[in-house]
Amino acid sequence: MAASRVLPSSQHRFHISVTGEETGIPFEGDFVFHRPSIGERSQIDVTRARLCGDMSNLDPLVADQNYMLAFLRVTIKEFPSWWRDADMGMGLFDLNVVMAVYDQCLNFEKEWREKVHGSNDPGKPKFVRNRQGNQGGDQEEAPRDRED
């Protein structure tokens, strides 16, 4: 049996205040992010695949955007009403708003890994290129939990 290990909280509460680059609309609110489990990572990829339509020639920027939207749809547990009204980011015109929320999640992931594995852990790259077969597009490598 593996030794018991106490991990840091997998939830992160944060606040954003950003003006949409395309619309000029100010967006402000509180969010709660929860690190995805193995099952949730599968759910993220299924959602990403549906958004991409299994298209091998999809623009890489659109594939990245679809991954971000799928990731946030699964991992954001509390959010302001405007986020819900915008279909969890899908209905927004301002990608910078989605990216502001996503970046908060990635920063928390990095900090969480540093707490668990020490500051010498290089972490994972933001996006990993995947150009094999019909898989086209970019996808983020799922965070991996290590047992020491």
N, C-alpha and C. Protein backbone atom coordinates (compact mmCIF):
# COMPACT_ATOMS: atom_id res chain seq x y z
N MET A 1 0.84 -1.18 0.00
CA MET A 1 0.00 0.00 0.00
C MET A 1 0.88 1.25 0.00
N ALA A 2 0.54 2.21 -0.83
CA ALA A 2 1.31 3.45 -0.93
C ALA A 2 1.17 4.27 0.34
N ALA A 3 2.21 5.01 0.66
CA ALA A 3 2.17 5.88 1.83
C ALA A 3 1.15 6.98 1.63
N SER A 4 0.53 7.38 2.72
CA SER A 4 -0.46 8.44 2.68
C SER A 4 0.24 9.77 2.39
N ARG A 5 -0.38 10.57 1.55
CA ARG A 5 0.22 11.84 1.17
C ARG A 5 -0.88 12.90 1.12
N VAL A 6 -0.64 14.02 1.76
CA VAL A 6 -1.61 15.10 1.75
C VAL A 6 -1.26 16.05 0.61
N LEU A 7 -2.21 16.22 -0.28
CA LEU A 7 -1.99 17.09 -1.43
C LEU A 7 -2.61 18.47 -1.18
N PRO A 8 -2.09 19.50 -1.83
CA PRO A 8 -2.72 20.82 -1.70
C PRO A 8 -4.12 20.79 -2.29
N SER A 9 -4.91 21.77 -1.95
CA SER A 9 -6.26 21.87 -2.48
C SER A 9 -6.23 21.88 -4.00
N SER A 10 -7.19 21.20 -4.60
CA SER A 10 -7.26 21.16 -6.06
C SER A 10 -8.22 22.22 -6.60
N GLN A 11 -8.71 23.08 -5.71
CA GLN A 11 -9.61 24.16 -6.14
C GLN A 11 -8.91 25.51 -6.01
N HIS A 12 -9.27 26.39 -6.91
CA HIS A 12 -8.69 27.73 -6.93
C HIS A 12 -9.79 28.75 -7.21
N ARG A 13 -9.95 29.68 -6.30
CA ARG A 13 -10.93 30.76 -6.49
C ARG A 13 -10.14 31.97 -7.00
N PHE A 14 -10.67 32.62 -8.05
CA PHE A 14 -9.98 33.78 -8.60
C PHE A 14 -10.99 34.79 -9.14
N HIS A 15 -10.50 35.98 -9.36
CA HIS A 15 -11.32 37.09 -9.85
C HIS A 15 -10.68 37.62 -11.12
N ILE A 16 -11.49 37.91 -12.12
CA ILE A 16 -10.96 38.57 -13.31
C ILE A 16 -11.69 39.89 -13.51
N SER A 17 -10.99 40.82 -14.09
CA SER A 17 -11.55 42.11 -14.51
C SER A 17 -10.82 42.46 -15.80
N VAL A 18 -11.51 42.28 -16.91
CA VAL A 18 -10.87 42.46 -18.22
C VAL A 18 -11.89 43.08 -19.18
N THR A 19 -11.38 43.89 -20.08
CA THR A 19 -12.22 44.49 -21.11
C THR A 19 -12.04 43.72 -22.40
N GLY A 20 -13.14 43.36 -23.02
CA GLY A 20 -13.08 42.62 -24.27
C GLY A 20 -12.38 43.41 -25.36
N GLU A 21 -11.41 42.78 -26.02
CA GLU A 21 -10.64 43.47 -27.06
C GLU A 21 -11.49 43.78 -28.29
N GLU A 22 -12.47 42.94 -28.58
CA GLU A 22 -13.29 43.16 -29.77
C GLU A 22 -14.50 44.04 -29.48
N THR A 23 -15.16 43.81 -28.35
CA THR A 23 -16.41 44.52 -28.06
C THR A 23 -16.23 45.75 -27.19
N GLY A 24 -15.14 45.80 -26.43
CA GLY A 24 -14.95 46.90 -25.48
C GLY A 24 -15.78 46.77 -24.23
N ILE A 25 -16.47 45.64 -24.07
CA ILE A 25 -17.32 45.41 -22.90
C ILE A 25 -16.44 44.97 -21.73
N PRO A 26 -16.64 45.57 -20.54
CA PRO A 26 -15.90 45.11 -19.36
C PRO A 26 -16.53 43.85 -18.78
N PHE A 27 -15.69 42.89 -18.45
CA PHE A 27 -16.13 41.64 -17.83
C PHE A 27 -15.44 41.52 -16.48
N GLU A 28 -16.23 41.24 -15.46
CA GLU A 28 -15.67 41.10 -14.12
C GLU A 28 -16.44 40.01 -13.39
N GLY A 29 -15.72 39.23 -12.60
CA GLY A 29 -16.41 38.22 -11.82
C GLY A 29 -15.48 37.24 -11.15
N ASP A 30 -16.07 36.44 -10.28
CA ASP A 30 -15.35 35.43 -9.51
C ASP A 30 -15.62 34.06 -10.10
N PHE A 31 -14.57 33.24 -10.13
CA PHE A 31 -14.62 31.88 -10.67
C PHE A 31 -14.02 30.92 -9.66
N VAL A 32 -14.43 29.66 -9.74
CA VAL A 32 -13.78 28.59 -8.99
C VAL A 32 -13.39 27.51 -10.00
N PHE A 33 -12.08 27.24 -10.04
CA PHE A 33 -11.51 26.22 -10.91
C PHE A 33 -11.22 24.99 -10.07
N HIS A 34 -11.45 23.82 -10.64
CA HIS A 34 -11.14 22.55 -9.98
C HIS A 34 -10.26 21.73 -10.91
N ARG A 35 -9.10 21.32 -10.43
CA ARG A 35 -8.19 20.49 -11.25
C ARG A 35 -8.94 19.25 -11.73
N PRO A 36 -8.81 18.92 -13.01
CA PRO A 36 -9.58 17.80 -13.56
C PRO A 36 -9.03 16.44 -13.13
N SER A 37 -9.95 15.54 -12.84
CA SER A 37 -9.61 14.15 -12.55
C SER A 37 -9.36 13.42 -13.87
N ILE A 38 -9.01 12.16 -13.79
CA ILE A 38 -8.80 11.35 -15.00
C ILE A 38 -10.08 11.33 -15.85
N GLY A 39 -11.21 11.10 -15.21
CA GLY A 39 -12.47 11.06 -15.94
C GLY A 39 -12.82 12.40 -16.54
N GLU A 40 -12.54 13.47 -15.82
CA GLU A 40 -12.82 14.80 -16.34
C GLU A 40 -11.89 15.14 -17.51
N ARG A 41 -10.65 14.66 -17.46
CA ARG A 41 -9.74 14.87 -18.60
C ARG A 41 -10.29 14.17 -19.84
N SER A 42 -10.88 13.00 -19.66
CA SER A 42 -11.52 12.31 -20.80
C SER A 42 -12.69 13.12 -21.32
N GLN A 43 -13.48 13.66 -20.40
CA GLN A 43 -14.62 14.48 -20.78
C GLN A 43 -14.17 15.73 -21.55
N ILE A 44 -13.07 16.33 -21.12
CA ILE A 44 -12.53 17.49 -21.82
C ILE A 44 -12.17 17.12 -23.25
N ASP A 45 -11.51 15.99 -23.43
CA ASP A 45 -11.08 15.61 -24.77
C ASP A 45 -12.26 15.22 -25.66
N VAL A 46 -13.28 14.60 -25.10
CA VAL A 46 -14.48 14.28 -25.88
C VAL A 46 -15.14 15.58 -26.34
N THR A 47 -15.24 16.56 -25.45
CA THR A 47 -15.82 17.85 -25.81
C THR A 47 -14.98 18.55 -26.86
N ARG A 48 -13.66 18.52 -26.70
CA ARG A 48 -12.77 19.12 -27.69
C ARG A 48 -12.95 18.47 -29.05
N ALA A 49 -13.04 17.14 -29.07
CA ALA A 49 -13.21 16.42 -30.34
C ALA A 49 -14.52 16.79 -31.01
N ARG A 50 -15.57 16.95 -30.23
CA ARG A 50 -16.86 17.35 -30.80
C ARG A 50 -16.78 18.75 -31.39
N LEU A 51 -16.11 19.66 -30.68
CA LEU A 51 -15.97 21.02 -31.18
C LEU A 51 -15.13 21.07 -32.46
N CYS A 52 -14.13 20.22 -32.52
CA CYS A 52 -13.25 20.20 -33.70
C CYS A 52 -13.88 19.43 -34.86
N GLY A 53 -14.89 18.63 -34.60
CA GLY A 53 -15.56 17.90 -35.66
C GLY A 53 -14.67 16.88 -36.33
N ASP A 54 -13.64 16.41 -35.63
CA ASP A 54 -12.72 15.40 -36.16
C ASP A 54 -12.14 15.84 -37.51
N MET A 55 -11.84 17.11 -37.62
CA MET A 55 -11.30 17.65 -38.86
C MET A 55 -9.78 17.71 -38.78
N SER A 56 -9.11 17.03 -39.68
CA SER A 56 -7.65 17.00 -39.66
C SER A 56 -7.04 18.29 -40.18
N ASN A 57 -7.79 19.09 -40.93
CA ASN A 57 -7.23 20.33 -41.47
C ASN A 57 -7.73 21.57 -40.74
N LEU A 58 -8.19 21.40 -39.53
CA LEU A 58 -8.69 22.52 -38.73
C LEU A 58 -7.53 23.45 -38.39
N ASP A 59 -7.77 24.74 -38.49
CA ASP A 59 -6.75 25.74 -38.16
C ASP A 59 -6.25 25.48 -36.74
N PRO A 60 -4.93 25.43 -36.53
CA PRO A 60 -4.39 25.15 -35.19
C PRO A 60 -4.87 26.14 -34.13
N LEU A 61 -5.09 27.40 -34.49
CA LEU A 61 -5.58 28.36 -33.51
C LEU A 61 -7.01 28.04 -33.08
N VAL A 62 -7.82 27.57 -34.00
CA VAL A 62 -9.19 27.17 -33.67
C VAL A 62 -9.16 25.92 -32.79
N ALA A 63 -8.25 24.98 -33.11
CA ALA A 63 -8.13 23.77 -32.29
C ALA A 63 -7.72 24.14 -30.86
N ASP A 64 -6.79 25.09 -30.72
CA ASP A 64 -6.39 25.55 -29.38
C ASP A 64 -7.56 26.19 -28.66
N GLN A 65 -8.29 27.02 -29.37
CA GLN A 65 -9.46 27.68 -28.79
C GLN A 65 -10.48 26.65 -28.33
N ASN A 66 -10.72 25.63 -29.14
CA ASN A 66 -11.67 24.58 -28.78
C ASN A 66 -11.22 23.83 -27.54
N TYR A 67 -9.90 23.59 -27.42
CA TYR A 67 -9.41 22.93 -26.22
C TYR A 67 -9.67 23.80 -24.99
N MET A 68 -9.35 25.09 -25.09
CA MET A 68 -9.58 25.99 -23.95
C MET A 68 -11.05 25.98 -23.53
N LEU A 69 -11.95 26.08 -24.49
CA LEU A 69 -13.38 26.10 -24.18
C LEU A 69 -13.83 24.79 -23.54
N ALA A 70 -13.34 23.66 -24.06
CA ALA A 70 -13.69 22.36 -23.48
C ALA A 70 -13.14 22.24 -22.06
N PHE A 71 -11.90 22.66 -21.87
CA PHE A 71 -11.25 22.61 -20.56
C PHE A 71 -12.04 23.43 -19.54
N LEU A 72 -12.40 24.65 -19.92
CA LEU A 72 -13.13 25.53 -18.99
C LEU A 72 -14.53 25.02 -18.72
N ARG A 73 -15.17 24.47 -19.73
CA ARG A 73 -16.54 23.94 -19.55
C ARG A 73 -16.57 22.86 -18.46
N VAL A 74 -15.51 22.07 -18.37
CA VAL A 74 -15.47 20.96 -17.41
C VAL A 74 -14.91 21.40 -16.06
N THR A 75 -13.94 22.30 -16.05
CA THR A 75 -13.21 22.58 -14.81
C THR A 75 -13.67 23.80 -14.03
N ILE A 76 -14.42 24.69 -14.65
CA ILE A 76 -14.92 25.87 -13.92
C ILE A 76 -16.22 25.47 -13.23
N LYS A 77 -16.19 25.49 -11.91
CA LYS A 77 -17.34 25.00 -11.12
C LYS A 77 -18.25 26.12 -10.63
N GLU A 78 -17.72 27.31 -10.43
CA GLU A 78 -18.53 28.47 -10.05
C GLU A 78 -18.10 29.62 -10.95
N PHE A 79 -19.08 30.45 -11.31
CA PHE A 79 -18.80 31.49 -12.31
C PHE A 79 -19.87 32.57 -12.22
N PRO A 80 -19.57 33.75 -12.77
CA PRO A 80 -20.57 34.82 -12.78
C PRO A 80 -21.67 34.52 -13.79
N SER A 81 -22.78 35.21 -13.65
CA SER A 81 -23.93 34.95 -14.52
C SER A 81 -23.61 35.24 -15.98
N TRP A 82 -22.78 36.24 -16.26
CA TRP A 82 -22.46 36.55 -17.66
C TRP A 82 -21.73 35.39 -18.33
N TRP A 83 -20.93 34.61 -17.57
CA TRP A 83 -20.23 33.44 -18.12
C TRP A 83 -21.24 32.36 -18.49
N ARG A 84 -22.20 32.13 -17.60
CA ARG A 84 -23.27 31.16 -17.88
C ARG A 84 -24.09 31.60 -19.09
N ASP A 85 -24.47 32.88 -19.11
CA ASP A 85 -25.28 33.41 -20.21
C ASP A 85 -24.54 33.33 -21.55
N ALA A 86 -23.21 33.34 -21.51
CA ALA A 86 -22.40 33.24 -22.72
C ALA A 86 -22.01 31.78 -23.00
N ASP A 87 -22.81 30.84 -22.50
CA ASP A 87 -22.58 29.41 -22.74
C ASP A 87 -21.15 29.00 -22.40
N MET A 88 -20.72 29.39 -21.20
CA MET A 88 -19.40 29.02 -20.67
C MET A 88 -18.28 29.50 -21.59
N GLY A 89 -18.45 30.70 -22.14
CA GLY A 89 -17.43 31.30 -22.99
C GLY A 89 -17.68 31.15 -24.48
N MET A 90 -18.46 30.14 -24.87
CA MET A 90 -18.68 29.87 -26.29
C MET A 90 -19.40 31.02 -27.01
N GLY A 91 -20.23 31.76 -26.30
CA GLY A 91 -20.99 32.82 -26.93
C GLY A 91 -20.32 34.18 -26.90
N LEU A 92 -19.11 34.25 -26.36
CA LEU A 92 -18.41 35.53 -26.31
C LEU A 92 -17.77 35.86 -27.66
N PHE A 93 -17.56 37.13 -27.92
CA PHE A 93 -16.83 37.58 -29.11
C PHE A 93 -15.38 37.89 -28.77
N ASP A 94 -15.08 38.00 -27.49
CA ASP A 94 -13.76 38.42 -27.03
C ASP A 94 -12.95 37.23 -26.52
N LEU A 95 -12.05 36.75 -27.37
CA LEU A 95 -11.21 35.61 -26.98
C LEU A 95 -10.31 35.96 -25.81
N ASN A 96 -9.92 37.23 -25.68
CA ASN A 96 -9.04 37.60 -24.57
C ASN A 96 -9.70 37.36 -23.21
N VAL A 97 -11.03 37.41 -23.16
CA VAL A 97 -11.73 37.13 -21.89
C VAL A 97 -11.61 35.65 -21.55
N VAL A 98 -11.84 34.80 -22.54
CA VAL A 98 -11.68 33.34 -22.34
C VAL A 98 -10.25 33.04 -21.93
N MET A 99 -9.29 33.67 -22.60
CA MET A 99 -7.88 33.43 -22.29
C MET A 99 -7.51 33.90 -20.89
N ALA A 100 -8.14 34.99 -20.42
CA ALA A 100 -7.86 35.47 -19.06
C ALA A 100 -8.29 34.43 -18.03
N VAL A 101 -9.44 33.80 -18.25
CA VAL A 101 -9.92 32.75 -17.34
C VAL A 101 -9.02 31.53 -17.44
N TYR A 102 -8.71 31.11 -18.67
CA TYR A 102 -7.87 29.93 -18.90
C TYR A 102 -6.47 30.12 -18.29
N ASP A 103 -5.89 31.31 -18.47
CA ASP A 103 -4.56 31.57 -17.92
C ASP A 103 -4.53 31.46 -16.40
N GLN A 104 -5.61 31.89 -15.74
CA GLN A 104 -5.69 31.74 -14.28
C GLN A 104 -5.62 30.26 -13.90
N CYS A 105 -6.31 29.42 -14.68
CA CYS A 105 -6.31 27.98 -14.41
C CYS A 105 -4.93 27.39 -14.62
N LEU A 106 -4.26 27.77 -15.72
CA LEU A 106 -2.92 27.25 -16.00
C LEU A 106 -1.92 27.69 -14.95
N ASN A 107 -2.03 28.94 -14.50
CA ASN A 107 -1.13 29.42 -13.45
C ASN A 107 -1.32 28.63 -12.16
N PHE A 108 -2.57 28.32 -11.83
CA PHE A 108 -2.82 27.52 -10.64
C PHE A 108 -2.24 26.12 -10.81
N GLU A 109 -2.41 25.52 -11.98
CA GLU A 109 -1.84 24.19 -12.24
C GLU A 109 -0.34 24.20 -12.01
N LYS A 110 0.34 25.23 -12.50
CA LYS A 110 1.79 25.33 -12.34
C LYS A 110 2.16 25.45 -10.86
N GLU A 111 1.46 26.31 -10.14
CA GLU A 111 1.72 26.49 -8.71
C GLU A 111 1.45 25.19 -7.95
N TRP A 112 0.38 24.49 -8.32
CA TRP A 112 0.03 23.24 -7.65
C TRP A 112 1.15 22.21 -7.84
N ARG A 113 1.63 22.08 -9.08
CA ARG A 113 2.71 21.13 -9.37
C ARG A 113 3.97 21.48 -8.59
N GLU A 114 4.26 22.78 -8.48
CA GLU A 114 5.45 23.21 -7.74
C GLU A 114 5.32 22.85 -6.26
N LYS A 115 4.11 22.98 -5.71
CA LYS A 115 3.90 22.60 -4.31
C LYS A 115 4.07 21.10 -4.12
N VAL A 116 3.61 20.31 -5.06
CA VAL A 116 3.67 18.86 -4.94
C VAL A 116 5.05 18.31 -5.27
N HIS A 117 5.65 18.84 -6.34
CA HIS A 117 6.89 18.26 -6.85
C HIS A 117 8.12 19.12 -6.61
N GLY A 118 7.95 20.28 -6.01
CA GLY A 118 9.07 21.18 -5.76
C GLY A 118 9.26 22.16 -6.90
N SER A 119 9.98 23.21 -6.62
CA SER A 119 10.16 24.27 -7.61
C SER A 119 11.06 23.86 -8.76
N ASN A 120 11.74 22.73 -8.67
CA ASN A 120 12.60 22.28 -9.76
C ASN A 120 11.84 21.55 -10.85
N ASP A 121 10.54 21.27 -10.61
CA ASP A 121 9.73 20.58 -11.62
C ASP A 121 9.50 21.54 -12.78
N PRO A 122 9.94 21.17 -13.99
CA PRO A 122 9.78 22.08 -15.12
C PRO A 122 8.33 22.24 -15.57
N GLY A 123 7.43 21.38 -15.11
CA GLY A 123 6.03 21.46 -15.51
C GLY A 123 5.84 20.97 -16.92
N LYS A 124 4.66 21.14 -17.43
CA LYS A 124 4.32 20.69 -18.77
C LYS A 124 4.20 21.91 -19.68
N PRO A 125 4.51 21.76 -20.95
CA PRO A 125 4.30 22.88 -21.87
C PRO A 125 2.82 23.18 -22.01
N LYS A 126 2.50 24.42 -22.34
CA LYS A 126 1.10 24.82 -22.45
C LYS A 126 0.38 24.00 -23.50
N PHE A 127 0.98 23.87 -24.67
CA PHE A 127 0.38 23.06 -25.72
C PHE A 127 1.43 22.12 -26.29
N VAL A 128 1.01 20.93 -26.64
CA VAL A 128 1.90 19.94 -27.23
C VAL A 128 1.41 19.69 -28.64
N ARG A 129 2.27 19.88 -29.61
CA ARG A 129 1.90 19.67 -31.00
C ARG A 129 1.62 18.19 -31.24
N ASN A 130 0.56 17.92 -31.96
CA ASN A 130 0.18 16.54 -32.24
C ASN A 130 -0.24 16.48 -33.71
N ARG A 131 0.66 16.10 -34.58
CA ARG A 131 0.39 16.12 -36.01
C ARG A 131 0.42 14.72 -36.61
N GLN A 132 0.00 13.72 -35.89
CA GLN A 132 0.03 12.36 -36.40
C GLN A 132 -1.34 11.98 -36.94
N GLY A 133 -1.33 11.31 -38.06
CA GLY A 133 -2.58 10.80 -38.62
C GLY A 133 -3.60 11.89 -38.83
N ASN A 134 -4.83 11.62 -38.48
CA ASN A 134 -5.93 12.57 -38.66
C ASN A 134 -6.21 13.37 -37.40
N GLN A 135 -5.27 13.41 -36.48
CA GLN A 135 -5.55 14.06 -35.21
C GLN A 135 -5.35 15.56 -35.25
N GLY A 136 -4.72 16.14 -36.24
CA GLY A 136 -4.44 17.56 -36.40
C GLY A 136 -4.81 18.44 -35.24
N GLY A 137 -4.31 19.63 -35.22
CA GLY A 137 -4.62 20.59 -34.16
C GLY A 137 -3.73 20.42 -32.96
N ASP A 138 -3.86 21.33 -32.06
CA ASP A 138 -3.05 21.33 -30.85
C ASP A 138 -3.92 20.91 -29.69
N GLN A 139 -3.30 20.29 -28.74
CA GLN A 139 -4.03 19.98 -27.53
C GLN A 139 -3.08 20.07 -26.36
N GLU A 140 -3.62 20.42 -25.21
CA GLU A 140 -2.80 20.52 -24.03
C GLU A 140 -2.58 19.13 -23.49
N GLU A 141 -1.37 18.88 -23.06
CA GLU A 141 -1.09 17.59 -22.44
C GLU A 141 -1.77 17.59 -21.08
N ALA A 142 -2.49 16.53 -20.81
CA ALA A 142 -3.21 16.44 -19.54
C ALA A 142 -2.19 16.39 -18.40
N PRO A 143 -2.44 17.13 -17.31
CA PRO A 143 -1.55 17.06 -16.18
C PRO A 143 -1.52 15.63 -15.62
N ARG A 144 -0.37 15.22 -15.22
CA ARG A 144 -0.22 13.85 -14.70
C ARG A 144 0.14 13.91 -13.23
N ASP A 145 -0.53 13.13 -12.44
CA ASP A 145 -0.21 13.02 -11.02
C ASP A 145 0.81 11.92 -10.87
N ARG A 146 1.87 12.20 -10.16
CA ARG A 146 2.90 11.18 -9.94
C ARG A 146 2.83 10.70 -8.50
N GLU A 147 3.06 9.45 -8.33
CA GLU A 147 3.18 8.91 -6.98
C GLU A 147 4.62 8.58 -6.73
N ASP A 148 5.18 9.15 -5.68
CA ASP A 148 6.58 8.90 -5.33
C ASP A 148 6.67 7.90 -4.22
